[in-house]
Amino acid sequence: MEVCIRREDLVRGLHLVQGVVERRNTLPILSNVLVEPAGEGIALTATDMEVGLRSLIAAQVRRKGAVTLSARKLYEIVREVTADEVVLRVVQAGWVEILAGRSKFKIVSLDAKDFPELPLGADAPQGTTITIAAGTLREMIDRTLFAVSS
């Protein structure tokens, strides 16, 4: 797998999945994010086995494949680099290279086949897909937040 992504888009996508990634390391794969080609870019998928999130990001897919990476480590690396684009490239089994400008990182990956499948949207058994603008959803949450117990 090899993909080229705008750093800003990747940071935004990884920020979203941080809230879902398993922090209590019961299963190592749950602290990872699944990175795989989807449509005109990539999908970042995370789950804690109760909640799942899939974020679609525009990217240039140079070589197809899927990999899981530590969500926290990937986020920290991508957030700190200053390059405009980030390249994720599988260099050998179990290792992914992150290239950003003159910076180069290697991090351990786990097999994408071990990542739990999520029944998302139309793929879910008898599932219904709902598309809603982010601003509308934010407004709906703001209007009902007062009713949430603290």
N, C-alpha and C. Protein backbone atom coordinates (compact mmCIF):
# COMPACT_ATOMS: atom_id res chain seq x y z
N MET A 1 0.84 -1.17 0.00
CA MET A 1 0.00 0.00 0.00
C MET A 1 0.89 1.24 0.00
N GLU A 2 0.47 2.22 -0.77
CA GLU A 2 1.13 3.52 -0.75
C GLU A 2 0.09 4.58 -1.10
N VAL A 3 -0.05 5.56 -0.21
CA VAL A 3 -1.01 6.64 -0.42
C VAL A 3 -0.36 7.98 -0.11
N CYS A 4 -0.80 9.01 -0.81
CA CYS A 4 -0.33 10.37 -0.59
C CYS A 4 -1.55 11.20 -0.18
N ILE A 5 -1.45 11.84 0.99
CA ILE A 5 -2.60 12.54 1.57
C ILE A 5 -2.18 13.95 1.98
N ARG A 6 -3.07 14.90 1.81
CA ARG A 6 -2.81 16.24 2.34
C ARG A 6 -2.74 16.14 3.86
N ARG A 7 -1.69 16.67 4.45
CA ARG A 7 -1.47 16.57 5.89
C ARG A 7 -2.68 17.09 6.68
N GLU A 8 -3.19 18.22 6.27
CA GLU A 8 -4.33 18.84 6.96
C GLU A 8 -5.54 17.90 7.00
N ASP A 9 -5.82 17.23 5.90
CA ASP A 9 -6.95 16.30 5.83
C ASP A 9 -6.72 15.09 6.72
N LEU A 10 -5.49 14.58 6.72
CA LEU A 10 -5.16 13.42 7.54
C LEU A 10 -5.25 13.75 9.02
N VAL A 11 -4.77 14.91 9.42
CA VAL A 11 -4.86 15.33 10.82
C VAL A 11 -6.32 15.41 11.25
N ARG A 12 -7.16 15.99 10.41
CA ARG A 12 -8.58 16.12 10.72
C ARG A 12 -9.24 14.75 10.88
N GLY A 13 -8.95 13.83 9.95
CA GLY A 13 -9.51 12.49 10.02
C GLY A 13 -9.03 11.72 11.23
N LEU A 14 -7.74 11.81 11.53
CA LEU A 14 -7.19 11.11 12.70
C LEU A 14 -7.72 11.70 14.00
N HIS A 15 -7.93 13.01 14.02
CA HIS A 15 -8.50 13.65 15.21
C HIS A 15 -9.89 13.08 15.51
N LEU A 16 -10.67 12.86 14.46
CA LEU A 16 -12.01 12.30 14.64
C LEU A 16 -11.97 10.90 15.25
N VAL A 17 -11.08 10.05 14.77
CA VAL A 17 -11.07 8.66 15.23
C VAL A 17 -10.43 8.51 16.61
N GLN A 18 -9.73 9.53 17.10
CA GLN A 18 -9.10 9.44 18.43
C GLN A 18 -10.11 9.18 19.53
N GLY A 19 -11.31 9.72 19.40
CA GLY A 19 -12.33 9.54 20.42
C GLY A 19 -12.90 8.13 20.48
N VAL A 20 -12.69 7.34 19.45
CA VAL A 20 -13.25 5.99 19.38
C VAL A 20 -12.21 4.93 19.70
N VAL A 21 -10.95 5.23 19.46
CA VAL A 21 -9.88 4.25 19.63
C VAL A 21 -9.81 3.77 21.07
N GLU A 22 -9.66 2.48 21.23
CA GLU A 22 -9.58 1.85 22.55
C GLU A 22 -8.33 2.32 23.29
N ARG A 23 -8.53 2.87 24.49
CA ARG A 23 -7.40 3.33 25.29
C ARG A 23 -6.92 2.24 26.26
N ARG A 24 -7.84 1.44 26.74
CA ARG A 24 -7.48 0.32 27.63
C ARG A 24 -7.04 -0.83 26.74
N ASN A 25 -5.82 -1.04 26.60
CA ASN A 25 -5.24 -1.95 25.62
C ASN A 25 -5.65 -3.41 25.82
N THR A 26 -6.96 -3.71 25.81
CA THR A 26 -7.41 -5.09 25.98
C THR A 26 -7.04 -5.94 24.77
N LEU A 27 -7.25 -5.42 23.59
CA LEU A 27 -6.81 -6.05 22.34
C LEU A 27 -5.97 -5.01 21.59
N PRO A 28 -4.72 -5.31 21.30
CA PRO A 28 -3.85 -4.32 20.64
C PRO A 28 -4.44 -3.74 19.36
N ILE A 29 -5.17 -4.53 18.59
CA ILE A 29 -5.72 -4.05 17.32
C ILE A 29 -6.73 -2.92 17.52
N LEU A 30 -7.36 -2.85 18.71
CA LEU A 30 -8.36 -1.82 18.97
C LEU A 30 -7.74 -0.45 19.23
N SER A 31 -6.43 -0.40 19.45
CA SER A 31 -5.77 0.90 19.60
C SER A 31 -5.24 1.38 18.24
N ASN A 32 -5.56 0.62 17.21
CA ASN A 32 -5.12 0.96 15.85
C ASN A 32 -6.25 1.54 15.02
N VAL A 33 -5.86 2.20 13.95
CA VAL A 33 -6.80 2.70 12.95
C VAL A 33 -6.55 1.92 11.67
N LEU A 34 -7.62 1.49 11.02
CA LEU A 34 -7.52 0.77 9.75
C LEU A 34 -7.45 1.80 8.63
N VAL A 35 -6.42 1.72 7.81
CA VAL A 35 -6.25 2.62 6.66
C VAL A 35 -6.39 1.78 5.41
N GLU A 36 -7.41 2.11 4.58
CA GLU A 36 -7.65 1.33 3.37
C GLU A 36 -8.21 2.22 2.27
N PRO A 37 -7.98 1.86 1.00
CA PRO A 37 -8.52 2.64 -0.11
C PRO A 37 -10.05 2.61 -0.10
N ALA A 38 -10.65 3.74 -0.44
CA ALA A 38 -12.11 3.82 -0.51
C ALA A 38 -12.48 4.93 -1.49
N GLY A 39 -13.13 4.58 -2.57
CA GLY A 39 -13.56 5.58 -3.55
C GLY A 39 -12.38 6.35 -4.10
N GLU A 40 -12.43 7.67 -3.98
CA GLU A 40 -11.37 8.55 -4.49
C GLU A 40 -10.33 8.88 -3.43
N GLY A 41 -10.19 8.04 -2.42
CA GLY A 41 -9.23 8.33 -1.37
C GLY A 41 -9.04 7.14 -0.45
N ILE A 42 -9.00 7.44 0.85
CA ILE A 42 -8.84 6.38 1.85
C ILE A 42 -9.91 6.50 2.92
N ALA A 43 -10.11 5.40 3.62
CA ALA A 43 -11.01 5.37 4.77
C ALA A 43 -10.17 5.10 6.00
N LEU A 44 -10.43 5.87 7.06
CA LEU A 44 -9.83 5.62 8.36
C LEU A 44 -10.94 5.05 9.23
N THR A 45 -10.74 3.85 9.76
CA THR A 45 -11.77 3.19 10.55
C THR A 45 -11.22 2.86 11.92
N ALA A 46 -12.00 3.17 12.96
CA ALA A 46 -11.62 2.84 14.34
C ALA A 46 -12.83 2.32 15.07
N THR A 47 -12.58 1.48 16.08
CA THR A 47 -13.67 0.94 16.89
C THR A 47 -13.16 0.58 18.27
N ASP A 48 -14.08 0.60 19.23
CA ASP A 48 -13.77 0.05 20.55
C ASP A 48 -14.69 -1.14 20.83
N MET A 49 -15.29 -1.67 19.78
CA MET A 49 -16.23 -2.79 19.77
C MET A 49 -17.63 -2.39 20.24
N GLU A 50 -17.80 -1.17 20.70
CA GLU A 50 -19.13 -0.66 21.04
C GLU A 50 -19.52 0.44 20.06
N VAL A 51 -18.55 1.26 19.71
CA VAL A 51 -18.76 2.37 18.79
C VAL A 51 -17.73 2.26 17.69
N GLY A 52 -18.16 2.51 16.46
CA GLY A 52 -17.24 2.50 15.33
C GLY A 52 -17.36 3.80 14.55
N LEU A 53 -16.27 4.23 13.94
CA LEU A 53 -16.28 5.46 13.16
C LEU A 53 -15.45 5.24 11.91
N ARG A 54 -15.96 5.70 10.79
CA ARG A 54 -15.24 5.62 9.52
C ARG A 54 -15.19 7.01 8.92
N SER A 55 -13.99 7.50 8.67
CA SER A 55 -13.79 8.83 8.10
C SER A 55 -13.18 8.68 6.72
N LEU A 56 -13.82 9.28 5.72
CA LEU A 56 -13.32 9.21 4.34
C LEU A 56 -12.51 10.46 4.04
N ILE A 57 -11.33 10.25 3.45
CA ILE A 57 -10.40 11.35 3.17
C ILE A 57 -9.93 11.27 1.73
N ALA A 58 -9.92 12.41 1.06
CA ALA A 58 -9.39 12.45 -0.31
C ALA A 58 -7.90 12.15 -0.26
N ALA A 59 -7.45 11.29 -1.15
CA ALA A 59 -6.03 10.91 -1.19
C ALA A 59 -5.71 10.34 -2.56
N GLN A 60 -4.42 10.33 -2.86
CA GLN A 60 -3.95 9.72 -4.10
C GLN A 60 -3.44 8.33 -3.72
N VAL A 61 -4.15 7.30 -4.18
CA VAL A 61 -3.75 5.92 -3.89
C VAL A 61 -2.80 5.47 -4.99
N ARG A 62 -1.55 5.28 -4.63
CA ARG A 62 -0.53 4.87 -5.60
C ARG A 62 -0.44 3.35 -5.71
N ARG A 63 -0.65 2.69 -4.58
CA ARG A 63 -0.64 1.23 -4.54
C ARG A 63 -1.69 0.80 -3.53
N LYS A 64 -2.58 -0.09 -3.94
CA LYS A 64 -3.67 -0.51 -3.07
C LYS A 64 -3.18 -1.45 -1.98
N GLY A 65 -3.98 -1.54 -0.94
CA GLY A 65 -3.67 -2.40 0.19
C GLY A 65 -4.31 -1.79 1.42
N ALA A 66 -4.25 -2.52 2.51
CA ALA A 66 -4.82 -2.03 3.77
C ALA A 66 -3.84 -2.36 4.89
N VAL A 67 -3.86 -1.51 5.91
CA VAL A 67 -2.94 -1.69 7.03
C VAL A 67 -3.57 -1.07 8.27
N THR A 68 -3.19 -1.55 9.45
CA THR A 68 -3.62 -0.90 10.68
C THR A 68 -2.39 -0.33 11.37
N LEU A 69 -2.54 0.88 11.88
CA LEU A 69 -1.44 1.58 12.54
C LEU A 69 -1.91 2.12 13.88
N SER A 70 -0.99 2.28 14.81
CA SER A 70 -1.33 2.89 16.09
C SER A 70 -1.93 4.27 15.83
N ALA A 71 -3.18 4.44 16.21
CA ALA A 71 -3.88 5.70 15.94
C ALA A 71 -3.19 6.86 16.66
N ARG A 72 -2.78 6.63 17.89
CA ARG A 72 -2.14 7.69 18.67
C ARG A 72 -0.80 8.09 18.07
N LYS A 73 0.04 7.11 17.75
CA LYS A 73 1.37 7.42 17.18
C LYS A 73 1.25 8.11 15.83
N LEU A 74 0.38 7.60 14.97
CA LEU A 74 0.20 8.20 13.66
C LEU A 74 -0.28 9.64 13.79
N TYR A 75 -1.24 9.88 14.67
CA TYR A 75 -1.78 11.22 14.89
C TYR A 75 -0.68 12.16 15.39
N GLU A 76 0.11 11.70 16.37
CA GLU A 76 1.17 12.55 16.92
C GLU A 76 2.21 12.90 15.86
N ILE A 77 2.58 11.94 15.04
CA ILE A 77 3.58 12.19 13.99
C ILE A 77 3.03 13.19 12.97
N VAL A 78 1.85 12.91 12.45
CA VAL A 78 1.28 13.74 11.39
C VAL A 78 0.97 15.15 11.89
N ARG A 79 0.56 15.26 13.13
CA ARG A 79 0.25 16.57 13.71
C ARG A 79 1.49 17.45 13.82
N GLU A 80 2.65 16.85 14.07
CA GLU A 80 3.87 17.61 14.31
C GLU A 80 4.67 17.96 13.05
N VAL A 81 4.51 17.18 11.98
CA VAL A 81 5.30 17.49 10.77
C VAL A 81 4.76 18.75 10.10
N THR A 82 5.63 19.40 9.32
CA THR A 82 5.23 20.67 8.70
C THR A 82 4.97 20.56 7.21
N ALA A 83 5.24 19.42 6.61
CA ALA A 83 5.04 19.24 5.17
C ALA A 83 3.55 19.33 4.82
N ASP A 84 3.26 19.69 3.58
CA ASP A 84 1.88 19.79 3.11
C ASP A 84 1.27 18.43 2.81
N GLU A 85 2.11 17.46 2.42
CA GLU A 85 1.62 16.13 2.08
C GLU A 85 2.35 15.07 2.88
N VAL A 86 1.63 13.99 3.15
CA VAL A 86 2.17 12.85 3.89
C VAL A 86 1.99 11.61 3.03
N VAL A 87 3.03 10.80 2.96
CA VAL A 87 2.96 9.53 2.22
C VAL A 87 3.04 8.40 3.23
N LEU A 88 2.08 7.47 3.15
CA LEU A 88 2.11 6.24 3.95
C LEU A 88 2.45 5.12 2.99
N ARG A 89 3.50 4.35 3.33
CA ARG A 89 3.95 3.31 2.41
C ARG A 89 4.37 2.07 3.21
N VAL A 90 3.78 0.93 2.85
CA VAL A 90 4.19 -0.34 3.45
C VAL A 90 5.54 -0.70 2.84
N VAL A 91 6.56 -0.86 3.70
CA VAL A 91 7.90 -1.17 3.19
C VAL A 91 8.25 -2.65 3.33
N GLN A 92 7.68 -3.29 4.33
CA GLN A 92 7.84 -4.73 4.51
C GLN A 92 6.76 -5.16 5.48
N ALA A 93 6.54 -6.46 5.57
CA ALA A 93 5.48 -6.96 6.44
C ALA A 93 5.68 -6.43 7.86
N GLY A 94 4.65 -5.79 8.37
CA GLY A 94 4.69 -5.28 9.73
C GLY A 94 5.30 -3.91 9.91
N TRP A 95 5.72 -3.25 8.84
CA TRP A 95 6.32 -1.92 8.95
C TRP A 95 5.77 -0.97 7.89
N VAL A 96 5.46 0.24 8.33
CA VAL A 96 4.97 1.29 7.43
C VAL A 96 5.88 2.50 7.57
N GLU A 97 6.22 3.08 6.44
CA GLU A 97 7.05 4.27 6.40
C GLU A 97 6.13 5.48 6.24
N ILE A 98 6.40 6.51 7.01
CA ILE A 98 5.66 7.77 6.90
C ILE A 98 6.65 8.81 6.41
N LEU A 99 6.37 9.37 5.24
CA LEU A 99 7.25 10.38 4.64
C LEU A 99 6.51 11.71 4.61
N ALA A 100 7.18 12.75 5.12
CA ALA A 100 6.59 14.09 5.13
C ALA A 100 7.73 15.09 4.95
N GLY A 101 7.84 15.64 3.75
CA GLY A 101 8.96 16.55 3.47
C GLY A 101 10.27 15.79 3.59
N ARG A 102 11.17 16.30 4.44
CA ARG A 102 12.45 15.62 4.65
C ARG A 102 12.39 14.66 5.83
N SER A 103 11.25 14.56 6.49
CA SER A 103 11.10 13.66 7.64
C SER A 103 10.70 12.27 7.17
N LYS A 104 11.20 11.27 7.90
CA LYS A 104 10.90 9.88 7.56
C LYS A 104 10.76 9.10 8.87
N PHE A 105 9.65 8.40 9.01
CA PHE A 105 9.37 7.62 10.21
C PHE A 105 9.01 6.20 9.80
N LYS A 106 9.30 5.26 10.67
CA LYS A 106 8.87 3.87 10.46
C LYS A 106 8.11 3.45 11.71
N ILE A 107 6.89 2.94 11.52
CA ILE A 107 6.14 2.44 12.67
C ILE A 107 5.61 1.05 12.37
N VAL A 108 5.38 0.32 13.44
CA VAL A 108 4.89 -1.05 13.35
C VAL A 108 3.43 -1.04 12.95
N SER A 109 3.04 -2.01 12.14
CA SER A 109 1.63 -2.16 11.76
C SER A 109 1.17 -3.56 12.12
N LEU A 110 -0.14 -3.70 12.23
CA LEU A 110 -0.75 -5.01 12.44
C LEU A 110 -1.54 -5.35 11.18
N ASP A 111 -1.75 -6.62 10.97
CA ASP A 111 -2.44 -7.10 9.77
C ASP A 111 -3.88 -6.58 9.73
N ALA A 112 -4.26 -6.00 8.62
CA ALA A 112 -5.61 -5.46 8.44
C ALA A 112 -6.67 -6.55 8.56
N LYS A 113 -6.32 -7.80 8.27
CA LYS A 113 -7.28 -8.90 8.36
C LYS A 113 -7.73 -9.14 9.79
N ASP A 114 -6.92 -8.70 10.77
CA ASP A 114 -7.25 -8.89 12.18
C ASP A 114 -8.17 -7.80 12.72
N PHE A 115 -8.38 -6.74 11.94
CA PHE A 115 -9.23 -5.63 12.40
C PHE A 115 -10.69 -6.06 12.34
N PRO A 116 -11.46 -5.81 13.42
CA PRO A 116 -12.86 -6.24 13.42
C PRO A 116 -13.68 -5.55 12.33
N GLU A 117 -14.52 -6.31 11.66
CA GLU A 117 -15.38 -5.74 10.63
C GLU A 117 -16.52 -4.98 11.29
N LEU A 118 -16.83 -3.83 10.72
CA LEU A 118 -17.91 -3.01 11.25
C LEU A 118 -19.08 -3.03 10.29
N PRO A 119 -20.28 -3.27 10.80
CA PRO A 119 -21.46 -3.13 9.93
C PRO A 119 -21.82 -1.66 9.84
N LEU A 120 -21.27 -0.97 8.85
CA LEU A 120 -21.49 0.47 8.72
C LEU A 120 -22.47 0.80 7.61
N GLY A 121 -23.39 1.68 7.91
CA GLY A 121 -24.29 2.22 6.90
C GLY A 121 -25.01 1.18 6.10
N ALA A 122 -24.99 1.32 4.79
CA ALA A 122 -25.71 0.43 3.89
C ALA A 122 -25.16 -0.99 3.94
N ASP A 123 -23.92 -1.16 4.43
CA ASP A 123 -23.33 -2.49 4.54
C ASP A 123 -23.90 -3.26 5.72
N ALA A 124 -24.51 -2.56 6.66
CA ALA A 124 -25.04 -3.21 7.86
C ALA A 124 -26.26 -4.05 7.49
N PRO A 125 -26.47 -5.15 8.21
CA PRO A 125 -27.67 -5.93 7.94
C PRO A 125 -28.91 -5.06 8.13
N GLN A 126 -29.71 -4.95 7.13
CA GLN A 126 -30.92 -4.12 7.14
C GLN A 126 -30.60 -2.70 7.60
N GLY A 127 -29.41 -2.22 7.23
CA GLY A 127 -28.97 -0.90 7.67
C GLY A 127 -29.54 0.21 6.81
N THR A 128 -29.60 1.38 7.39
CA THR A 128 -30.05 2.56 6.70
C THR A 128 -28.95 3.60 6.79
N THR A 129 -28.66 4.22 5.69
CA THR A 129 -27.64 5.26 5.68
C THR A 129 -28.32 6.61 5.76
N ILE A 130 -27.82 7.44 6.66
CA ILE A 130 -28.32 8.79 6.81
C ILE A 130 -27.15 9.74 6.60
N THR A 131 -27.32 10.69 5.72
CA THR A 131 -26.28 11.69 5.49
C THR A 131 -26.79 13.01 6.03
N ILE A 132 -25.97 13.66 6.84
CA ILE A 132 -26.36 14.92 7.45
C ILE A 132 -25.16 15.85 7.46
N ALA A 133 -25.38 17.11 7.18
CA ALA A 133 -24.29 18.08 7.18
C ALA A 133 -23.73 18.23 8.59
N ALA A 134 -22.43 18.40 8.69
CA ALA A 134 -21.77 18.50 10.00
C ALA A 134 -22.33 19.67 10.81
N GLY A 135 -22.56 20.80 10.16
CA GLY A 135 -23.10 21.96 10.85
C GLY A 135 -24.48 21.71 11.43
N THR A 136 -25.31 20.99 10.68
CA THR A 136 -26.65 20.66 11.15
C THR A 136 -26.58 19.73 12.35
N LEU A 137 -25.72 18.72 12.28
CA LEU A 137 -25.56 17.80 13.40
C LEU A 137 -25.06 18.54 14.64
N ARG A 138 -24.10 19.43 14.46
CA ARG A 138 -23.57 20.21 15.58
C ARG A 138 -24.69 21.04 16.23
N GLU A 139 -25.52 21.65 15.40
CA GLU A 139 -26.62 22.46 15.92
C GLU A 139 -27.62 21.59 16.69
N MET A 140 -27.90 20.39 16.16
CA MET A 140 -28.82 19.48 16.85
C MET A 140 -28.27 19.07 18.21
N ILE A 141 -26.98 18.80 18.27
CA ILE A 141 -26.36 18.42 19.54
C ILE A 141 -26.39 19.59 20.51
N ASP A 142 -26.05 20.78 20.04
CA ASP A 142 -26.07 21.97 20.90
C ASP A 142 -27.45 22.22 21.49
N ARG A 143 -28.49 21.96 20.72
CA ARG A 143 -29.85 22.21 21.18
C ARG A 143 -30.35 21.17 22.18
N THR A 144 -29.71 20.01 22.23
CA THR A 144 -30.16 18.95 23.15
C THR A 144 -29.16 18.67 24.26
N LEU A 145 -28.02 19.32 24.25
CA LEU A 145 -26.96 19.07 25.21
C LEU A 145 -27.40 19.33 26.65
N PHE A 146 -28.28 20.29 26.85
CA PHE A 146 -28.74 20.61 28.20
C PHE A 146 -29.42 19.43 28.89
N ALA A 147 -29.94 18.50 28.12
CA ALA A 147 -30.68 17.36 28.67
C ALA A 147 -29.77 16.20 29.08
N VAL A 148 -28.49 16.30 28.77
CA VAL A 148 -27.55 15.22 29.08
C VAL A 148 -27.15 15.28 30.54
N SER A 149 -27.16 14.15 31.20
CA SER A 149 -26.75 14.07 32.59
C SER A 149 -25.25 14.25 32.70
N SER A 150 -24.81 14.86 33.78
CA SER A 150 -23.36 15.05 33.95
C SER A 150 -22.80 14.14 35.02
